[in-house]
């Protein structure tokens, strides 16, 4: 990326999110990612004469959910529109979308700037539309193939104000959108499957200028990392052109991830004329006050809401909070766990450590964990009360709880794993450890203090992990310092 400080980037994003409804936006067939080409189509999505579309109620509901989640203003009367253009993957020759009456205007999503301060990115609009099919260029060496399974799949398109300044901010913004649609359960947010796609509009201007520079659009970015890389490349490319007194062309470019470059696709000398007009085959959709209240009432806890709760109410640090909130199900599990324990830091450590390691090793969601939050709290409370060590909790008790329904306390007592706080018993372990390494004891007393770990390891081994580590450490030092 260019280190030139004379210029600044102005970035706006357009994010298309595929909604996970059972059927398509305006017809009754399903869409399954990876299905055999052209097997998930109908006479409606193929644009046969005399066929009529029908609005999918779930699409409207999901769009309203998202609009409310970002604090936008929901439009009460929604008119559909036809966007006319011809392309092989658009059978009807037009796309059903929204033009002058998007379902939502306004709203915001919070990110952090380069100094770590909160930055508000305002939303211009959110509208509903249908997807086109997919052109395939790498199967036949002479022809492009068309798979129309995706044609008619419901999308919502989010358009930001041009308020993003860096590739890092764009990365954060897309990450927040993906997290939000997963929390709302309206999309899987999988960029590799095309469930979430992003176009970036980038221009460069001198710092302090109010007027925007020439806008360049980048398409075909299929991961959040590639969005960041593509924007960084494009900022440098445009900055270098201006430094060398060259003109930036108003164009659309694609991103080649292998070479990490953007490539010109087409020039935009004039604005596209899509000849929008109201969709004559679909009646306007009315969203009542009762509809809005019902959807608002059923919104799940949102990432920012949980983040604020974990930071402010539970006093967790930012790292623990971000790790927990990244996954909706883990965040909700942790939130419920904290109803049964007040040692929130210990609970966060156990979830982010022991529990997540188990989930990752077994490739399962926390929803499939056989221990509910209330039972996990019995482990946390034993650790908090100093009755078991973290090692016993993670390596002994947790695995046993996966196999039966007993509490941590029951398992600990049954297996004699409760910490030993009896100083006489711990002194006995210490004397055994020191008598095993008499020469090391002399080395320690001559200044080799790093040997303390050797003796502590032996004490814990002799006690089978039951000795209270803090007490044992204190008594061991007193013995060695005699």
Protein backbone atom coordinates (compact mmCIF):
# COMPACT_ATOMS: atom_id res chain seq x y z
CA UNK A 1 0.00 0.00 0.00
CA UNK A 2 1.23 3.51 -0.78
CA UNK A 3 2.75 5.45 2.14
CA UNK A 4 2.03 8.78 0.42
CA UNK A 5 0.35 11.09 2.94
CA UNK A 6 -0.80 13.69 0.43
CA UNK A 7 -3.85 11.70 -0.69
CA UNK A 8 -6.70 9.89 1.02
CA UNK A 9 -9.11 7.18 -0.06
CA UNK A 10 -12.89 7.45 -0.03
CA UNK A 11 -14.62 4.07 -0.04
CA UNK A 12 -18.24 3.01 -0.27
CA UNK A 13 -19.41 -0.60 -0.18
CA UNK A 14 -22.33 -2.46 -1.74
CA UNK A 15 -23.01 -5.77 0.00
CA UNK A 16 -25.38 -8.39 -1.39
CA UNK A 17 -26.59 -10.94 1.17
CA UNK A 18 -28.37 -14.10 0.07
CA UNK A 19 -31.30 -14.83 2.38
CA UNK A 20 -31.80 -18.37 3.61
CA UNK A 21 -35.47 -18.75 2.81
CA UNK A 22 -36.84 -22.14 1.80
CA UNK A 23 -37.96 -20.88 -1.59
CA UNK A 24 -36.88 -18.19 -4.05
CA UNK A 25 -37.87 -14.53 -3.97
CA UNK A 26 -40.84 -14.63 -6.35
CA UNK A 27 -41.42 -18.33 -7.07
CA UNK A 28 -41.85 -21.61 -5.21
CA UNK A 29 -38.73 -23.61 -6.11
CA UNK A 30 -35.94 -24.15 -3.61
CA UNK A 31 -32.28 -23.28 -3.99
CA UNK A 32 -29.58 -25.69 -2.83
CA UNK A 33 -25.95 -24.67 -3.16
CA UNK A 34 -24.02 -27.24 -5.19
CA UNK A 35 -27.11 -28.80 -6.78
CA UNK A 36 -26.73 -30.17 -10.31
CA UNK A 37 -26.80 -27.22 -12.78
CA UNK A 38 -30.23 -26.06 -13.97
CA UNK A 39 -32.19 -28.43 -11.72
CA UNK A 40 -33.57 -25.74 -9.36
CA UNK A 41 -35.51 -23.64 -11.84
CA UNK A 42 -39.14 -23.01 -12.75
CA UNK A 43 -41.12 -21.42 -15.55
CA UNK A 44 -41.33 -18.25 -13.44
CA UNK A 45 -37.59 -17.75 -12.90
CA UNK A 46 -36.97 -18.73 -16.52
CA UNK A 47 -39.30 -15.94 -17.62
CA UNK A 48 -41.83 -18.00 -19.60
CA UNK A 49 -44.63 -15.91 -21.15
CA UNK A 50 -47.79 -15.66 -19.06
CA UNK A 51 -46.14 -16.59 -15.76
CA UNK A 52 -46.57 -14.30 -12.74
CA UNK A 53 -44.26 -13.78 -9.75
CA UNK A 54 -45.44 -13.76 -6.17
CA UNK A 55 -43.79 -12.00 -3.19
CA UNK A 56 -42.10 -14.17 -0.58
CA UNK A 57 -43.26 -13.02 2.87
CA UNK A 58 -40.06 -14.28 4.55
CA UNK A 59 -37.89 -12.09 2.33
CA UNK A 60 -39.76 -9.00 3.54
CA UNK A 61 -39.54 -10.16 7.16
CA UNK A 62 -35.78 -10.79 6.92
CA UNK A 63 -35.17 -7.42 5.26
CA UNK A 64 -37.11 -5.68 8.03
CA UNK A 65 -35.13 -7.61 10.65
CA UNK A 66 -31.87 -6.37 9.21
CA UNK A 67 -33.16 -2.82 8.86
CA UNK A 68 -34.24 -2.72 12.49
CA UNK A 69 -30.93 -4.23 13.64
CA UNK A 70 -28.95 -1.39 12.04
CA UNK A 71 -31.35 1.27 13.35
CA UNK A 72 -32.74 2.19 9.92
CA UNK A 73 -36.12 3.66 9.02
CA UNK A 74 -38.45 1.00 7.62
CA UNK A 75 -40.65 2.06 4.70
CA UNK A 76 -44.33 1.32 5.21
CA UNK A 77 -45.26 1.02 1.48
CA UNK A 78 -42.77 -0.86 -0.68
CA UNK A 79 -42.97 -0.79 -4.47
CA UNK A 80 -41.07 -3.31 -6.57
CA UNK A 81 -39.29 -2.20 -9.74
CA UNK A 82 -37.89 -3.71 -12.91
CA UNK A 83 -34.22 -3.15 -13.66
CA UNK A 84 -33.79 -3.82 -17.34
CA UNK A 85 -30.60 -5.26 -18.81
CA UNK A 86 -29.73 -8.26 -20.91
CA UNK A 87 -27.22 -10.86 -19.78
CA UNK A 88 -27.10 -14.64 -20.35
CA UNK A 89 -27.70 -15.41 -16.66
CA UNK A 90 -30.82 -13.23 -16.45
CA UNK A 91 -33.53 -15.20 -18.33
CA UNK A 92 -36.31 -12.60 -18.07
CA UNK A 93 -34.13 -9.79 -19.41
CA UNK A 94 -34.87 -7.78 -16.26
CA UNK A 95 -34.32 -8.08 -12.52
CA UNK A 96 -37.07 -7.56 -9.95
CA UNK A 97 -35.63 -5.14 -7.39
CA UNK A 98 -36.49 -1.84 -5.65
CA UNK A 99 -35.61 1.57 -7.00
CA UNK A 100 -37.11 4.70 -5.43
CA UNK A 101 -38.76 2.92 -2.49
CA UNK A 102 -36.09 0.81 -0.72
CA UNK A 103 -37.42 -1.07 2.28
CA UNK A 104 -34.99 0.77 4.57
CA UNK A 105 -33.16 4.08 4.58
CA UNK A 106 -30.55 5.17 7.07
CA UNK A 107 -29.05 3.24 9.95
CA UNK A 108 -25.44 2.66 10.93
CA UNK A 109 -22.83 0.03 11.68
CA UNK A 110 -19.99 0.73 14.11
CA UNK A 111 -16.35 -0.14 13.40
CA UNK A 112 -12.99 1.14 14.73
CA UNK A 113 -10.67 3.57 13.03
CA UNK A 114 -6.86 3.22 12.81
CA UNK A 115 -6.54 4.70 16.31
CA UNK A 116 -8.91 2.16 17.83
CA UNK A 117 -11.72 4.68 18.30
CA UNK A 118 -15.31 3.86 17.42
CA UNK A 119 -16.35 5.07 13.98
CA UNK A 120 -19.90 5.21 12.63
CA UNK A 121 -20.49 4.13 9.04
CA UNK A 122 -23.86 5.42 7.88
CA UNK A 123 -26.08 3.34 5.65
CA UNK A 124 -27.67 4.90 2.57
CA UNK A 125 -30.25 2.25 1.81
CA UNK A 126 -31.24 -1.38 2.04
CA UNK A 127 -33.40 -2.96 -0.64
CA UNK A 128 -34.74 -6.36 -1.70
CA UNK A 129 -34.04 -7.96 -5.05
CA UNK A 130 -33.48 -11.27 -6.81
CA UNK A 131 -30.18 -12.79 -7.87
CA UNK A 132 -29.13 -13.70 -11.40
CA UNK A 133 -27.77 -17.07 -12.48
CA UNK A 134 -24.10 -17.96 -12.75
CA UNK A 135 -21.79 -17.98 -15.77
CA UNK A 136 -19.17 -20.74 -15.77
CA UNK A 137 -16.03 -20.16 -17.83
CA UNK A 138 -13.63 -22.90 -16.75
CA UNK A 139 -15.34 -26.13 -17.90
CA UNK A 140 -15.60 -25.73 -21.67
CA UNK A 141 -12.52 -24.19 -23.35
CA UNK A 142 -14.60 -22.68 -26.16
CA UNK A 143 -17.91 -21.71 -24.55
CA UNK A 144 -19.26 -20.11 -21.40
CA UNK A 145 -21.88 -22.23 -19.64
CA UNK A 146 -24.85 -20.88 -17.69
CA UNK A 147 -26.30 -22.37 -14.49
CA UNK A 148 -29.68 -20.80 -13.71
CA UNK A 149 -30.19 -22.45 -10.31
CA UNK A 150 -29.32 -19.20 -8.55
CA UNK A 151 -31.66 -17.07 -10.69
CA UNK A 152 -34.44 -15.70 -8.49
CA UNK A 153 -32.69 -16.36 -5.16
CA UNK A 154 -33.63 -13.59 -2.67
CA UNK A 155 -31.06 -10.92 -1.81
CA UNK A 156 -30.87 -7.81 0.27
CA UNK A 157 -28.44 -5.15 -0.92
CA UNK A 158 -26.84 -2.81 1.61
CA UNK A 159 -25.29 0.43 0.32
CA UNK A 160 -23.05 2.52 2.58
CA UNK A 161 -22.28 6.20 2.52
CA UNK A 162 -18.74 6.86 1.19
CA UNK A 163 -17.32 7.11 4.72
CA UNK A 164 -14.83 4.24 4.82
CA UNK A 165 -11.22 5.43 4.68
CA UNK A 166 -9.02 2.31 4.62
CA UNK A 167 -8.97 -1.33 3.59
CA UNK A 168 -8.85 -2.27 7.30
CA UNK A 169 -12.09 -0.37 7.92
CA UNK A 170 -13.73 -2.10 4.94
CA UNK A 171 -12.58 -5.46 6.33
CA UNK A 172 -14.13 -4.63 9.70
CA UNK A 173 -17.36 -3.42 8.12
CA UNK A 174 -17.91 -6.58 6.07
CA UNK A 175 -17.03 -8.69 9.12
CA UNK A 176 -19.68 -6.85 11.15
CA UNK A 177 -22.30 -7.35 8.43
CA UNK A 178 -21.52 -11.06 8.21
CA UNK A 179 -21.71 -11.40 12.00
CA UNK A 180 -25.02 -9.53 12.07
CA UNK A 181 -26.78 -11.63 9.41
CA UNK A 182 -25.68 -14.77 11.28
CA UNK A 183 -27.02 -13.45 14.59
CA UNK A 184 -30.31 -12.56 12.90
CA UNK A 185 -30.33 -16.04 11.31
CA UNK A 186 -31.27 -14.63 7.91
CA UNK A 187 -28.17 -15.86 6.00
CA UNK A 188 -25.21 -18.16 6.52
CA UNK A 189 -22.91 -15.30 5.42
CA UNK A 190 -20.64 -17.73 3.56
CA UNK A 191 -18.64 -15.75 0.99
CA UNK A 192 -17.16 -18.88 -0.59
CA UNK A 193 -20.69 -20.01 -1.53
CA UNK A 194 -21.62 -16.53 -2.72
CA UNK A 195 -24.05 -16.00 0.15
CA UNK A 196 -22.38 -12.67 0.87
CA UNK A 197 -20.79 -10.66 -1.94
CA UNK A 198 -19.21 -7.23 -1.84
CA UNK A 199 -18.44 -4.56 -4.43
CA UNK A 200 -16.21 -1.63 -3.44
CA UNK A 201 -16.34 1.87 -4.90
CA UNK A 202 -13.00 3.61 -4.41
CA UNK A 203 -11.80 7.10 -5.23
CA UNK A 204 -8.70 9.09 -4.24
CA UNK A 205 -8.47 12.80 -3.45
CA UNK A 206 -6.04 15.21 -1.86
CA UNK A 207 -6.41 15.43 1.89
CA UNK A 208 -8.63 18.35 2.79
CA UNK A 209 -10.53 18.33 -0.52
CA UNK A 210 -14.33 18.09 -0.33
CA UNK A 211 -14.90 16.97 -3.92
CA UNK A 212 -14.68 13.25 -4.60
CA UNK A 213 -12.17 11.83 -7.05
CA UNK A 214 -13.02 9.57 -10.01
CA UNK A 215 -14.80 6.46 -8.75
CA UNK A 216 -13.61 2.95 -9.64
CA UNK A 217 -15.73 -0.09 -8.81
CA UNK A 218 -14.12 -3.43 -7.89
CA UNK A 219 -16.07 -6.67 -8.28
CA UNK A 220 -15.39 -10.42 -7.83
CA UNK A 221 -14.03 -10.42 -4.27
CA UNK A 222 -14.92 -13.76 -2.70
CA UNK A 223 -13.47 -13.43 0.80
CA UNK A 224 -13.03 -10.75 3.44
CA UNK A 225 -9.26 -11.03 3.16
CA UNK A 226 -9.48 -10.51 -0.61
CA UNK A 227 -11.62 -7.40 -0.08
CA UNK A 228 -8.85 -5.96 2.07
CA UNK A 229 -6.10 -6.94 -0.40
CA UNK A 230 -8.01 -5.64 -3.43
CA UNK A 231 -8.76 -2.28 -1.83
CA UNK A 232 -5.16 -1.84 -0.69
CA UNK A 233 -3.94 -2.58 -4.22
CA UNK A 234 -6.46 -0.20 -5.79
CA UNK A 235 -5.63 2.64 -3.39
CA UNK A 236 -1.96 2.30 -4.29
CA UNK A 237 -2.71 2.02 -8.03
CA UNK A 238 -4.84 5.16 -8.08
CA UNK A 239 -2.47 7.11 -5.81
CA UNK A 240 0.49 6.25 -8.04
CA UNK A 241 -1.45 7.47 -11.10
CA UNK A 242 -2.16 10.82 -9.45
CA UNK A 243 1.45 11.20 -8.27
CA UNK A 244 2.55 10.68 -11.89
CA UNK A 245 -0.07 13.18 -13.17
CA UNK A 246 -2.05 10.45 -14.94
CA UNK A 247 -5.82 10.29 -15.24
CA UNK A 248 -7.92 7.77 -13.33
CA UNK A 249 -10.59 6.18 -15.53
CA UNK A 250 -14.17 5.73 -14.36
CA UNK A 251 -14.45 1.97 -14.76
CA UNK A 252 -15.33 -1.40 -13.29
CA UNK A 253 -12.43 -3.68 -12.41
CA UNK A 254 -12.20 -7.28 -11.21
CA UNK A 255 -9.78 -8.63 -8.64
CA UNK A 256 -7.30 -11.41 -9.44
CA UNK A 257 -6.47 -12.95 -6.05
CA UNK A 258 -3.59 -15.07 -7.39
CA UNK A 259 -1.69 -12.08 -8.79
CA UNK A 260 -3.12 -9.63 -6.22
CA UNK A 261 -4.05 -7.08 -8.89
CA UNK A 262 -7.21 -5.47 -10.22
CA UNK A 263 -8.00 -5.78 -13.93
CA UNK A 264 -10.16 -3.50 -16.06
CA UNK A 265 -13.48 -5.07 -17.10
CA UNK A 266 -15.39 -2.21 -18.67
CA UNK A 267 -15.32 1.58 -18.83
CA UNK A 268 -18.20 3.72 -17.60
CA UNK A 269 -18.16 6.84 -19.72
CA UNK A 270 -21.88 7.27 -19.12
CA UNK A 271 -24.20 6.20 -16.33
CA UNK A 272 -25.96 2.88 -16.96
CA UNK A 273 -29.53 3.33 -18.17
CA UNK A 274 -31.48 0.47 -16.61
CA UNK A 275 -34.85 2.05 -17.49
CA UNK A 276 -36.32 1.38 -14.04
CA UNK A 277 -40.09 1.33 -13.86
CA UNK A 278 -42.62 -0.08 -11.36
CA UNK A 279 -43.01 -3.88 -11.53
CA UNK A 280 -46.52 -4.33 -13.01
CA UNK A 281 -46.91 -7.95 -11.88
CA UNK A 282 -46.36 -7.39 -8.17
CA UNK A 283 -48.55 -5.29 -5.86
CA UNK A 284 -46.80 -2.96 -3.39
CA UNK A 285 -46.07 -4.52 0.00
CA UNK A 286 -47.50 -2.77 3.06
CA UNK A 287 -45.70 -3.14 6.39
CA UNK A 288 -48.02 -2.30 9.28
CA UNK A 289 -47.10 -0.98 12.71
CA UNK A 290 -48.17 -4.35 14.14
CA UNK A 291 -45.82 -6.18 11.74
CA UNK A 292 -42.92 -3.98 12.82
CA UNK A 293 -43.63 -4.46 16.52
CA UNK A 294 -43.90 -8.23 16.11
CA UNK A 295 -40.57 -8.48 14.25
CA UNK A 296 -38.86 -6.10 16.69
CA UNK A 297 -40.14 -8.12 19.66
CA UNK A 298 -38.62 -11.32 18.27
CA UNK A 299 -35.19 -9.92 17.43
CA UNK A 300 -32.41 -11.95 19.10
CA UNK A 301 -29.68 -10.32 21.23
CA UNK A 302 -27.37 -8.54 18.77
CA UNK A 303 -23.53 -8.52 18.71
CA UNK A 304 -23.15 -4.92 19.94
CA UNK A 305 -25.68 -5.48 22.70
CA UNK A 306 -23.85 -8.58 23.98
CA UNK A 307 -20.46 -6.92 23.52
CA UNK A 308 -21.50 -3.98 25.71
CA UNK A 309 -22.92 -6.34 28.33
CA UNK A 310 -19.76 -8.47 28.48
CA UNK A 311 -17.50 -5.41 28.66
CA UNK A 312 -19.51 -3.25 31.03
CA UNK A 313 -21.56 -5.65 33.17
CA UNK A 314 -19.21 -8.62 33.26
CA UNK A 315 -16.01 -6.49 33.16
CA UNK A 316 -14.32 -8.74 30.59
CA UNK A 317 -11.43 -7.39 28.53
CA UNK A 318 -11.84 -6.62 24.83
CA UNK A 319 -10.00 -9.72 23.64
CA UNK A 320 -12.20 -12.18 25.60
CA UNK A 321 -15.32 -10.27 24.57
CA UNK A 322 -14.47 -10.27 20.86
CA UNK A 323 -13.68 -14.00 20.87
CA UNK A 324 -16.99 -14.80 22.60
CA UNK A 325 -19.15 -12.53 20.42
CA UNK A 326 -17.65 -13.77 17.15
CA UNK A 327 -19.92 -16.85 17.28
CA UNK A 328 -23.59 -16.23 18.07
CA UNK A 329 -24.22 -19.60 19.71
CA UNK A 330 -21.13 -19.36 21.91
CA UNK A 331 -22.06 -15.81 22.94
CA UNK A 332 -25.58 -16.88 23.91
CA UNK A 333 -24.27 -19.97 25.73
CA UNK A 334 -21.84 -17.80 27.72
CA UNK A 335 -24.57 -15.26 28.46
CA UNK A 336 -26.75 -18.02 29.96
CA UNK A 337 -23.77 -19.47 31.86
CA UNK A 338 -23.33 -16.13 33.62
CA UNK A 339 -26.80 -16.52 35.15
CA UNK A 340 -25.35 -19.31 37.33
CA UNK A 341 -21.93 -17.90 38.26
CA UNK A 342 -20.50 -14.49 39.01
CA UNK A 343 -16.88 -15.37 38.18
CA UNK A 344 -17.28 -14.09 34.63
CA UNK A 345 -13.54 -14.01 33.86
CA UNK A 346 -13.08 -17.66 34.86
CA UNK A 347 -16.18 -18.57 32.83
CA UNK A 348 -14.79 -16.75 29.76
CA UNK A 349 -11.43 -18.50 30.14
CA UNK A 350 -13.09 -21.91 30.33
CA UNK A 351 -15.36 -21.32 27.33
CA UNK A 352 -12.66 -19.73 25.16
CA UNK A 353 -10.14 -22.38 26.18
CA UNK A 354 -11.37 -25.84 27.16
CA UNK A 355 -14.81 -25.74 25.55
CA UNK A 356 -13.77 -24.18 22.23
CA UNK A 357 -10.82 -26.60 21.93
CA UNK A 358 -13.24 -29.51 22.34
CA UNK A 359 -15.66 -28.05 19.78
CA UNK A 360 -12.86 -27.46 17.25
CA UNK A 361 -11.35 -30.92 17.73
CA UNK A 362 -14.75 -32.53 17.14
CA UNK A 363 -15.92 -30.06 14.46
CA UNK A 364 -19.24 -29.42 16.21
CA UNK A 365 -21.28 -26.38 17.23
CA UNK A 366 -21.75 -25.53 20.91
CA UNK A 367 -25.44 -26.27 20.29
CA UNK A 368 -24.41 -29.96 20.17
CA UNK A 369 -22.40 -29.83 23.40
CA UNK A 370 -23.87 -32.38 25.82
CA UNK A 371 -23.28 -30.16 28.86
CA UNK A 372 -25.71 -27.27 29.34
CA UNK A 373 -24.61 -23.88 30.81
CA UNK A 374 -25.99 -24.68 34.27
CA UNK A 375 -23.81 -27.82 34.55
CA UNK A 376 -20.76 -26.00 33.20
CA UNK A 377 -21.28 -23.44 35.99
CA UNK A 378 -20.63 -26.19 38.55
CA UNK A 379 -17.09 -26.49 37.14
CA UNK A 380 -16.56 -22.71 37.19
CA UNK A 381 -17.79 -22.43 40.78
CA UNK A 382 -15.48 -25.22 41.99
CA UNK A 383 -12.49 -23.47 40.39
CA UNK A 384 -13.61 -20.11 41.82
CA UNK A 385 -13.89 -21.57 45.33
CA UNK A 386 -10.40 -23.03 45.08
CA UNK A 387 -11.62 -26.62 45.31
CA UNK A 388 -10.18 -27.86 42.01
CA UNK A 389 -7.36 -26.73 39.74
CA UNK A 390 -7.82 -25.59 36.15
CA UNK A 391 -5.95 -28.70 35.05
CA UNK A 392 -8.30 -31.07 36.90
CA UNK A 393 -11.30 -29.12 35.60
CA UNK A 394 -10.24 -29.27 31.95
CA UNK A 395 -8.53 -32.65 31.72
CA UNK A 396 -10.49 -34.76 34.22
CA UNK A 397 -13.89 -33.36 35.17
CA UNK A 398 -14.99 -31.86 31.83
CA UNK A 399 -14.41 -35.13 29.87
CA UNK A 400 -16.36 -37.10 32.50
CA UNK A 401 -19.27 -34.63 32.39
CA UNK A 402 -19.52 -35.27 28.64
CA UNK A 403 -20.36 -38.91 29.43
CA UNK A 404 -22.85 -38.61 32.31
CA UNK A 405 -25.22 -36.16 34.00
CA UNK A 406 -23.39 -35.62 37.30
CA UNK A 407 -22.29 -32.21 38.52
CA UNK A 408 -18.64 -31.24 38.73
CA UNK A 409 -18.77 -31.42 42.53
CA UNK A 410 -20.14 -34.97 42.48
CA UNK A 411 -17.45 -36.10 40.05
CA UNK A 412 -14.67 -34.35 41.99
CA UNK A 413 -15.69 -35.92 45.33
CA UNK A 414 -16.25 -39.35 43.75
CA UNK A 415 -12.72 -39.34 42.27
CA UNK A 416 -11.00 -37.64 45.23
CA UNK A 417 -10.04 -34.61 43.07
CA UNK A 418 -10.90 -31.85 45.55
CA UNK A 419 -7.82 -29.69 46.21
CA UNK A 420 -5.79 -30.48 49.30
CA UNK A 421 -5.41 -27.42 51.52
CA UNK A 422 -4.00 -29.31 54.49
CA UNK A 423 -0.56 -27.79 55.07
CA UNK A 424 0.79 -30.95 56.74
CA UNK A 425 -0.10 -33.08 53.70
CA UNK A 426 1.39 -30.52 51.29
CA UNK A 427 4.55 -30.27 53.45
CA UNK A 428 4.90 -34.04 53.07
CA UNK A 429 4.79 -33.73 49.27
CA UNK A 430 7.36 -30.92 49.42
CA UNK A 431 9.78 -32.97 51.53
CA UNK A 432 9.44 -35.90 49.11
CA UNK A 433 10.14 -33.61 46.13
CA UNK A 434 13.19 -32.00 47.75
CA UNK A 435 14.62 -35.33 48.89
CA UNK A 436 14.34 -36.61 45.31
CA UNK A 437 16.56 -33.76 44.02
CA UNK A 438 18.97 -32.85 46.86
CA UNK A 439 21.60 -31.47 44.47
CA UNK A 440 18.98 -29.26 42.76
CA UNK A 441 17.96 -27.91 46.18
CA UNK A 442 21.55 -26.78 46.73
CA UNK A 443 21.67 -25.19 43.25
CA UNK A 444 18.43 -23.28 44.02
CA UNK A 445 19.83 -22.02 47.31
CA UNK A 446 22.95 -20.90 45.45
CA UNK A 447 20.87 -18.65 43.22
CA UNK A 448 19.36 -20.86 40.50
CA UNK A 449 15.77 -19.74 41.23
CA UNK A 450 14.41 -21.18 37.96
CA UNK A 451 14.46 -24.64 39.58
CA UNK A 452 11.32 -23.70 41.54
CA UNK A 453 9.24 -24.98 38.60
CA UNK A 454 10.91 -28.41 38.82
CA UNK A 455 9.98 -28.78 42.47
CA UNK A 456 6.44 -27.49 41.94
CA UNK A 457 5.94 -29.96 39.12
CA UNK A 458 7.04 -32.80 41.39
CA UNK A 459 4.73 -31.64 44.20
CA UNK A 460 1.74 -31.52 41.84
CA UNK A 461 2.69 -34.92 40.45
CA UNK A 462 2.90 -36.48 43.93
CA UNK A 463 -0.47 -34.95 44.88
CA UNK A 464 -1.99 -36.08 41.57
CA UNK A 465 -2.87 -32.46 40.85
CA UNK A 466 -4.86 -32.03 44.06
CA UNK A 467 -2.49 -29.77 46.00
CA UNK A 468 -3.58 -26.12 46.05
CA UNK A 469 -0.97 -24.59 43.70
CA UNK A 470 -0.85 -21.19 45.44
CA UNK A 471 -0.48 -22.70 48.89
CA UNK A 472 2.02 -25.30 47.67
CA UNK A 473 4.10 -22.61 45.93
CA UNK A 474 4.17 -20.47 49.07
CA UNK A 475 5.12 -23.38 51.36
CA UNK A 476 7.74 -24.62 48.89
CA UNK A 477 9.51 -21.23 48.77
CA UNK A 478 9.49 -21.02 52.58
CA UNK A 479 11.06 -24.46 52.80
CA UNK A 480 13.71 -23.68 50.17
CA UNK A 481 14.59 -20.35 51.79
CA UNK A 482 15.27 -21.88 55.21
